[in-house]
Amino acid sequence: MSNLQVNVAGVAFKNPVITASGCYGFGRDYEDMYPLSRLGGVSLKGMTYAERLGNPPPRIAETPSGMLNSVGLQNPGVEHFLAEDLPYLEKQDTVLIANIAGSTVEDYCRLAERLSETSIDMMELNISCPNVKEGGVAFGTSCQSAESIVRQVRKYCKKPLMVKLSPNVTDIVSIAQAVEAQGADAVSLINTLLGMRIDIESRRPILRNNVGGLSGPAVFPVAVRMVWQVANNVKIPVVGMGGIEKWQDAIEMMMAGASAIQMGAALFYDPMAPIKVIEGMDQWLDSHGVKNVADIVGTVRPW
């Protein structure tokens, strides 16, 4: 068997497959299908400091080869998580990544400080959230705003800090370089692409929030391109995601430059998808005489 272990920002993963935030909850719903210890890691449900109810329904819409969501970061808040969910997760023998979000810089900083006192292994900073103090513009859509929030959160975050990048930008490379300069230990990409569907009979958007984030296989080529571009222009590790549903996709994403991968939308139609990816990657590596999965990272050969 090949060595599937990878290292991202000093954190050791038994394999490169991580479940993506928002698609795996806090893991309990999957424990009857397989032990969470089989996963490389779990990026937990996006968390805010206080409880958040999310957006009104409808907030999910199917699209060709994907889905739109505008769930709105519904979550029970950090104190509930620490009391009810973390004790369970600590027993699962997998890397725990807290995905943190907020409406203000102060929200992020308080959350990072609180979670730094816990057994969480890494934090994933979701900078695709709107900044209510700046007219609702997402934190991660400009170099200036991305730099600012990472610089502030870095002061309070005592864990390895991975910044999750939005694809809804003109130049994702510049933003990746900006957060690297402010102390990010890794970047993860891509978050969802902004999309919209309309009910032609009612003439209203299908989502109550009008627009939502597009995920699933439809976004995979965009994700591969952006991961490749970023990986070639930063020195910190890149975790790739966006439309990965099978082991071939995971290998492709790692060849583009990802040190590890995250799976999200695929879990909704195949809960066993991460296990199939781990097993498929292992078989492919063996059949190609590759001893360490890390050896395929960034090995794409552009024309």
Protein backbone atom coordinates (compact mmCIF):
# COMPACT_ATOMS: atom_id res chain seq x y z
CA MET A 1 0.00 0.00 0.00
CA SER A 2 1.13 3.52 -0.75
CA ASN A 3 1.71 6.13 1.94
CA LEU A 4 -1.34 8.40 1.90
CA GLN A 5 -0.15 10.70 4.66
CA VAL A 6 0.12 14.42 3.91
CA ASN A 7 1.14 17.45 5.92
CA VAL A 8 -0.61 20.80 5.65
CA ALA A 9 0.85 23.72 7.62
CA GLY A 10 2.44 21.40 10.16
CA VAL A 11 -0.74 19.35 10.67
CA ALA A 12 -0.42 15.64 9.84
CA PHE A 13 -3.31 13.99 7.99
CA LYS A 14 -3.50 10.19 7.61
CA ASN A 15 -4.76 10.74 4.05
CA PRO A 16 -5.51 13.81 1.90
CA VAL A 17 -9.33 13.51 1.94
CA ILE A 18 -11.17 16.08 4.05
CA THR A 19 -14.92 16.61 4.16
CA ALA A 20 -15.83 20.20 3.30
CA SER A 21 -17.47 22.65 5.66
CA GLY A 22 -21.24 22.84 5.50
CA CYS A 23 -21.65 19.42 3.91
CA TYR A 24 -20.73 17.12 6.79
CA GLY A 25 -22.16 18.96 9.77
CA PHE A 26 -20.32 17.80 12.88
CA GLY A 27 -20.00 14.23 11.64
CA ARG A 28 -22.63 12.42 13.69
CA ASP A 29 -24.90 11.72 10.72
CA TYR A 30 -22.21 9.61 9.06
CA GLU A 31 -20.95 7.51 11.96
CA ASP A 32 -23.29 4.59 11.16
CA MET A 33 -21.78 4.28 7.67
CA TYR A 34 -18.07 4.36 8.51
CA PRO A 35 -15.84 5.55 11.33
CA LEU A 36 -14.75 9.16 10.97
CA SER A 37 -11.23 7.94 11.68
CA ARG A 38 -11.03 6.75 8.06
CA LEU A 39 -11.03 10.37 6.89
CA GLY A 40 -8.00 12.54 6.69
CA GLY A 41 -9.92 15.32 8.35
CA VAL A 42 -13.26 17.06 8.78
CA SER A 43 -13.80 20.74 8.08
CA LEU A 44 -16.67 21.41 10.45
CA LYS A 45 -19.92 23.26 9.83
CA GLY A 46 -19.27 26.97 9.38
CA MET A 47 -19.38 28.46 12.86
CA THR A 48 -20.17 31.91 14.20
CA TYR A 49 -19.68 33.20 17.73
CA ALA A 50 -23.41 33.32 18.45
CA GLU A 51 -26.17 31.03 17.23
CA ARG A 52 -27.33 31.78 13.71
CA LEU A 53 -30.63 30.63 12.16
CA GLY A 54 -29.60 31.15 8.56
CA ASN A 55 -31.64 32.36 5.63
CA PRO A 56 -35.37 31.67 5.11
CA PRO A 57 -36.32 28.80 2.76
CA PRO A 58 -36.25 27.83 0.01
CA ARG A 59 -32.48 27.85 0.25
CA ILE A 60 -31.41 24.85 -1.85
CA ALA A 61 -31.90 24.48 -5.61
CA GLU A 62 -30.71 21.71 -7.90
CA THR A 63 -28.84 22.72 -11.06
CA PRO A 64 -27.33 20.73 -13.92
CA SER A 65 -24.31 18.92 -12.45
CA GLY A 66 -24.55 20.84 -9.22
CA MET A 67 -26.60 22.72 -6.67
CA LEU A 68 -27.20 26.23 -5.40
CA ASN A 69 -27.38 26.95 -1.70
CA SER A 70 -28.06 30.01 0.39
CA VAL A 71 -28.30 28.31 3.78
CA GLY A 72 -26.77 31.34 5.44
CA LEU A 73 -24.40 29.64 7.88
CA GLN A 74 -27.05 28.22 10.17
CA ASN A 75 -25.22 26.90 13.24
CA PRO A 76 -25.66 26.63 17.02
CA GLY A 77 -22.82 29.00 17.95
CA VAL A 78 -19.42 28.29 19.41
CA GLU A 79 -20.39 27.63 23.04
CA HIS A 80 -22.97 25.02 22.04
CA PHE A 81 -20.39 23.42 19.76
CA LEU A 82 -17.82 23.24 22.55
CA ALA A 83 -20.28 21.74 24.99
CA GLU A 84 -22.17 19.33 22.75
CA ASP A 85 -20.12 18.50 19.65
CA LEU A 86 -16.42 18.83 20.37
CA PRO A 87 -16.37 16.13 23.11
CA TYR A 88 -17.77 13.68 20.54
CA LEU A 89 -15.39 14.77 17.79
CA GLU A 90 -12.32 14.51 20.02
CA LYS A 91 -12.87 10.74 20.18
CA GLN A 92 -12.99 10.23 16.39
CA ASP A 93 -9.24 10.15 15.61
CA THR A 94 -9.30 12.53 12.69
CA VAL A 95 -8.05 16.07 12.08
CA LEU A 96 -10.58 18.67 13.18
CA ILE A 97 -10.74 21.94 11.23
CA ALA A 98 -12.99 24.67 12.60
CA ASN A 99 -14.48 26.79 9.81
CA ILE A 100 -15.05 30.24 11.27
CA ALA A 101 -17.24 33.05 9.98
CA GLY A 102 -18.69 36.36 11.05
CA SER A 103 -20.25 39.64 10.03
CA THR A 104 -17.52 41.84 11.50
CA VAL A 105 -13.80 41.56 12.10
CA GLU A 106 -14.52 41.55 15.83
CA ASP A 107 -16.73 38.46 15.41
CA TYR A 108 -13.92 36.57 13.70
CA CYS A 109 -11.34 37.59 16.28
CA ARG A 110 -13.48 36.57 19.27
CA LEU A 111 -14.18 33.22 17.66
CA ALA A 112 -10.52 32.58 16.80
CA GLU A 113 -9.49 33.45 20.34
CA ARG A 114 -12.10 31.15 21.87
CA LEU A 115 -11.26 28.19 19.63
CA SER A 116 -7.53 28.63 20.20
CA GLU A 117 -8.11 27.37 23.74
CA THR A 118 -9.54 24.06 22.49
CA SER A 119 -8.36 20.79 20.93
CA ILE A 120 -9.23 21.95 17.40
CA ASP A 121 -6.26 21.18 15.10
CA MET A 122 -6.65 24.00 12.57
CA MET A 123 -8.91 26.90 11.69
CA GLU A 124 -10.33 27.63 8.26
CA LEU A 125 -11.14 31.30 7.86
CA ASN A 126 -14.18 31.78 5.64
CA ILE A 127 -13.69 35.21 4.08
CA SER A 128 -16.63 34.91 1.71
CA CYS A 129 -18.93 36.37 4.37
CA PRO A 130 -20.34 39.89 3.92
CA ASN A 131 -18.76 42.64 5.98
CA VAL A 132 -21.76 44.51 7.42
CA LYS A 133 -19.61 47.51 8.34
CA GLU A 134 -18.54 47.92 4.71
CA GLY A 135 -21.89 47.82 2.97
CA GLY A 136 -22.16 44.04 2.80
CA VAL A 137 -19.16 43.44 0.54
CA ALA A 138 -17.55 40.05 1.24
CA PHE A 139 -14.25 40.17 3.13
CA GLY A 140 -12.44 38.11 0.52
CA THR A 141 -13.27 40.03 -2.63
CA SER A 142 -10.36 42.49 -2.53
CA CYS A 143 -6.73 42.28 -1.50
CA GLN A 144 -7.19 45.11 0.98
CA SER A 145 -10.13 43.56 2.83
CA ALA A 146 -8.61 40.07 2.76
CA GLU A 147 -5.31 41.39 4.13
CA SER A 148 -7.08 43.32 6.85
CA ILE A 149 -9.12 40.47 8.26
CA VAL A 150 -6.28 37.92 8.13
CA ARG A 151 -3.93 40.37 9.83
CA GLN A 152 -6.42 40.91 12.66
CA VAL A 153 -7.45 37.26 13.10
CA ARG A 154 -3.82 36.16 13.05
CA LYS A 155 -3.29 38.07 16.32
CA TYR A 156 -5.85 35.87 18.08
CA CYS A 157 -5.52 32.55 16.27
CA LYS A 158 -2.98 30.28 17.99
CA LYS A 159 -3.71 27.34 15.68
CA PRO A 160 -2.56 26.84 12.07
CA LEU A 161 -4.68 29.23 10.01
CA MET A 162 -6.02 28.25 6.59
CA VAL A 163 -7.87 30.91 4.61
CA LYS A 164 -10.75 29.79 2.38
CA LEU A 165 -10.82 31.87 -0.80
CA SER A 166 -13.78 33.01 -2.84
CA PRO A 167 -13.73 32.42 -6.62
CA ASN A 168 -15.99 35.44 -7.13
CA VAL A 169 -13.04 37.74 -7.74
CA THR A 170 -11.06 39.16 -10.64
CA ASP A 171 -7.66 37.80 -9.57
CA ILE A 172 -7.59 35.00 -7.00
CA VAL A 173 -3.78 34.78 -7.15
CA SER A 174 -3.34 38.31 -5.83
CA ILE A 175 -5.71 37.62 -2.95
CA ALA A 176 -3.90 34.37 -2.11
CA GLN A 177 -0.61 36.24 -2.05
CA ALA A 178 -2.15 38.96 0.10
CA VAL A 179 -3.34 36.55 2.80
CA GLU A 180 -0.03 34.68 2.68
CA ALA A 181 1.77 37.95 3.38
CA GLN A 182 -0.41 38.53 6.44
CA GLY A 183 0.37 35.18 8.05
CA ALA A 184 -1.95 32.58 6.54
CA ASP A 185 -0.41 29.12 6.97
CA ALA A 186 -2.40 27.64 4.07
CA VAL A 187 -5.20 28.51 1.67
CA SER A 188 -8.22 26.44 0.64
CA LEU A 189 -10.11 26.99 -2.59
CA ILE A 190 -12.55 27.32 -4.13
CA ASN A 191 -15.60 28.34 -2.20
CA THR A 192 -18.85 28.40 -4.17
CA LEU A 193 -19.45 30.43 -7.32
CA LEU A 194 -22.31 32.90 -7.13
CA GLY A 195 -25.32 31.75 -9.18
CA MET A 196 -29.05 32.15 -9.68
CA ARG A 197 -32.06 30.17 -10.93
CA ILE A 198 -35.52 31.56 -11.80
CA ASP A 199 -38.93 29.87 -11.71
CA ILE A 200 -40.34 30.87 -15.09
CA GLU A 201 -43.96 30.46 -13.96
CA SER A 202 -43.78 32.69 -10.89
CA ARG A 203 -40.96 34.80 -12.38
CA ARG A 204 -39.28 34.72 -9.01
CA PRO A 205 -35.83 33.39 -8.10
CA ILE A 206 -36.02 29.82 -6.81
CA LEU A 207 -33.95 30.79 -3.77
CA ARG A 208 -35.56 33.13 -1.26
CA ASN A 209 -32.20 34.91 -1.02
CA ASN A 210 -32.34 35.41 -4.82
CA VAL A 211 -28.76 34.18 -5.34
CA GLY A 212 -26.69 31.38 -3.86
CA GLY A 213 -23.44 29.49 -4.06
CA LEU A 214 -22.98 27.00 -6.91
CA SER A 215 -21.14 23.78 -6.04
CA GLY A 216 -20.85 20.29 -7.49
CA PRO A 217 -19.16 18.80 -10.57
CA ALA A 218 -20.10 21.82 -12.70
CA VAL A 219 -17.48 23.96 -10.94
CA PHE A 220 -14.64 21.41 -11.02
CA PRO A 221 -12.75 22.78 -14.06
CA VAL A 222 -12.83 26.29 -12.57
CA ALA A 223 -11.53 24.93 -9.26
CA VAL A 224 -8.68 23.03 -10.92
CA ARG A 225 -7.64 26.15 -12.83
CA MET A 226 -7.65 28.35 -9.76
CA VAL A 227 -5.80 25.81 -7.60
CA TRP A 228 -3.14 25.48 -10.30
CA GLN A 229 -2.74 29.24 -10.58
CA VAL A 230 -2.53 29.79 -6.83
CA ALA A 231 -0.24 26.84 -6.12
CA ASN A 232 2.26 28.22 -8.62
CA ASN A 233 2.31 31.64 -6.98
CA VAL A 234 2.37 31.04 -3.21
CA LYS A 235 4.77 29.17 -0.93
CA ILE A 236 2.15 27.96 1.57
CA PRO A 237 0.13 24.74 1.06
CA VAL A 238 -3.04 24.75 -1.00
CA VAL A 239 -6.07 22.61 -0.18
CA GLY A 240 -8.22 22.10 -3.28
CA MET A 241 -11.98 21.72 -3.47
CA GLY A 242 -14.87 22.35 -5.80
CA GLY A 243 -16.75 19.58 -7.56
CA ILE A 244 -14.59 16.64 -6.52
CA GLU A 245 -16.76 13.51 -6.61
CA LYS A 246 -14.43 10.60 -7.49
CA TRP A 247 -10.85 9.51 -6.94
CA GLN A 248 -9.77 10.60 -10.41
CA ASP A 249 -10.85 14.14 -9.54
CA ALA A 250 -8.83 14.06 -6.32
CA ILE A 251 -5.68 12.97 -8.14
CA GLU A 252 -6.23 15.63 -10.80
CA MET A 253 -6.63 18.31 -8.13
CA MET A 254 -3.44 17.23 -6.38
CA MET A 255 -1.54 17.20 -9.67
CA ALA A 256 -2.73 20.80 -10.11
CA GLY A 257 -0.97 21.67 -6.86
CA ALA A 258 -3.24 20.77 -3.94
CA SER A 259 -1.55 19.19 -0.93
CA ALA A 260 -4.93 17.82 0.20
CA ILE A 261 -8.52 17.98 -1.05
CA GLN A 262 -11.98 18.62 0.34
CA MET A 263 -15.24 16.99 -0.77
CA GLY A 264 -18.62 18.64 -0.31
CA ALA A 265 -21.61 18.40 -2.66
CA ALA A 266 -20.84 14.78 -3.57
CA LEU A 267 -21.72 13.76 -0.01
CA PHE A 268 -25.37 14.65 -0.60
CA TYR A 269 -25.87 11.99 -3.28
CA ASP A 270 -23.20 9.52 -2.20
CA PRO A 271 -22.32 9.61 1.52
CA MET A 272 -19.63 6.98 0.88
CA ALA A 273 -17.84 9.16 -1.70
CA PRO A 274 -14.88 10.10 0.56
CA ILE A 275 -14.16 6.45 1.36
CA LYS A 276 -14.35 5.53 -2.32
CA VAL A 277 -11.91 8.32 -3.11
CA ILE A 278 -9.43 7.18 -0.46
CA GLU A 279 -9.56 3.59 -1.70
CA GLY A 280 -9.39 4.58 -5.37
CA MET A 281 -6.41 6.86 -4.84
CA ASP A 282 -4.60 4.11 -2.98
CA GLN A 283 -5.14 1.64 -5.82
CA TRP A 284 -4.07 4.16 -8.47
CA LEU A 285 -0.89 5.02 -6.60
CA ASP A 286 -0.01 1.32 -6.24
CA SER A 287 -0.69 0.60 -9.90
CA HIS A 288 1.55 3.51 -10.94
CA GLY A 289 4.37 2.69 -8.54
CA VAL A 290 3.95 5.90 -6.53
CA LYS A 291 4.99 5.29 -2.93
CA ASN A 292 3.87 8.58 -1.40
CA VAL A 293 0.77 10.50 -2.40
CA ALA A 294 2.60 13.76 -1.71
CA ASP A 295 4.84 12.95 -4.68
CA ILE A 296 2.03 13.74 -7.15
CA VAL A 297 1.39 17.25 -5.81
CA GLY A 298 1.98 19.87 -8.50
CA THR A 299 3.22 17.37 -11.10
CA VAL A 300 1.02 18.58 -13.96
CA ARG A 301 3.16 19.35 -17.03
CA PRO A 302 1.71 22.36 -18.89
CA TRP A 303 2.21 22.45 -22.65
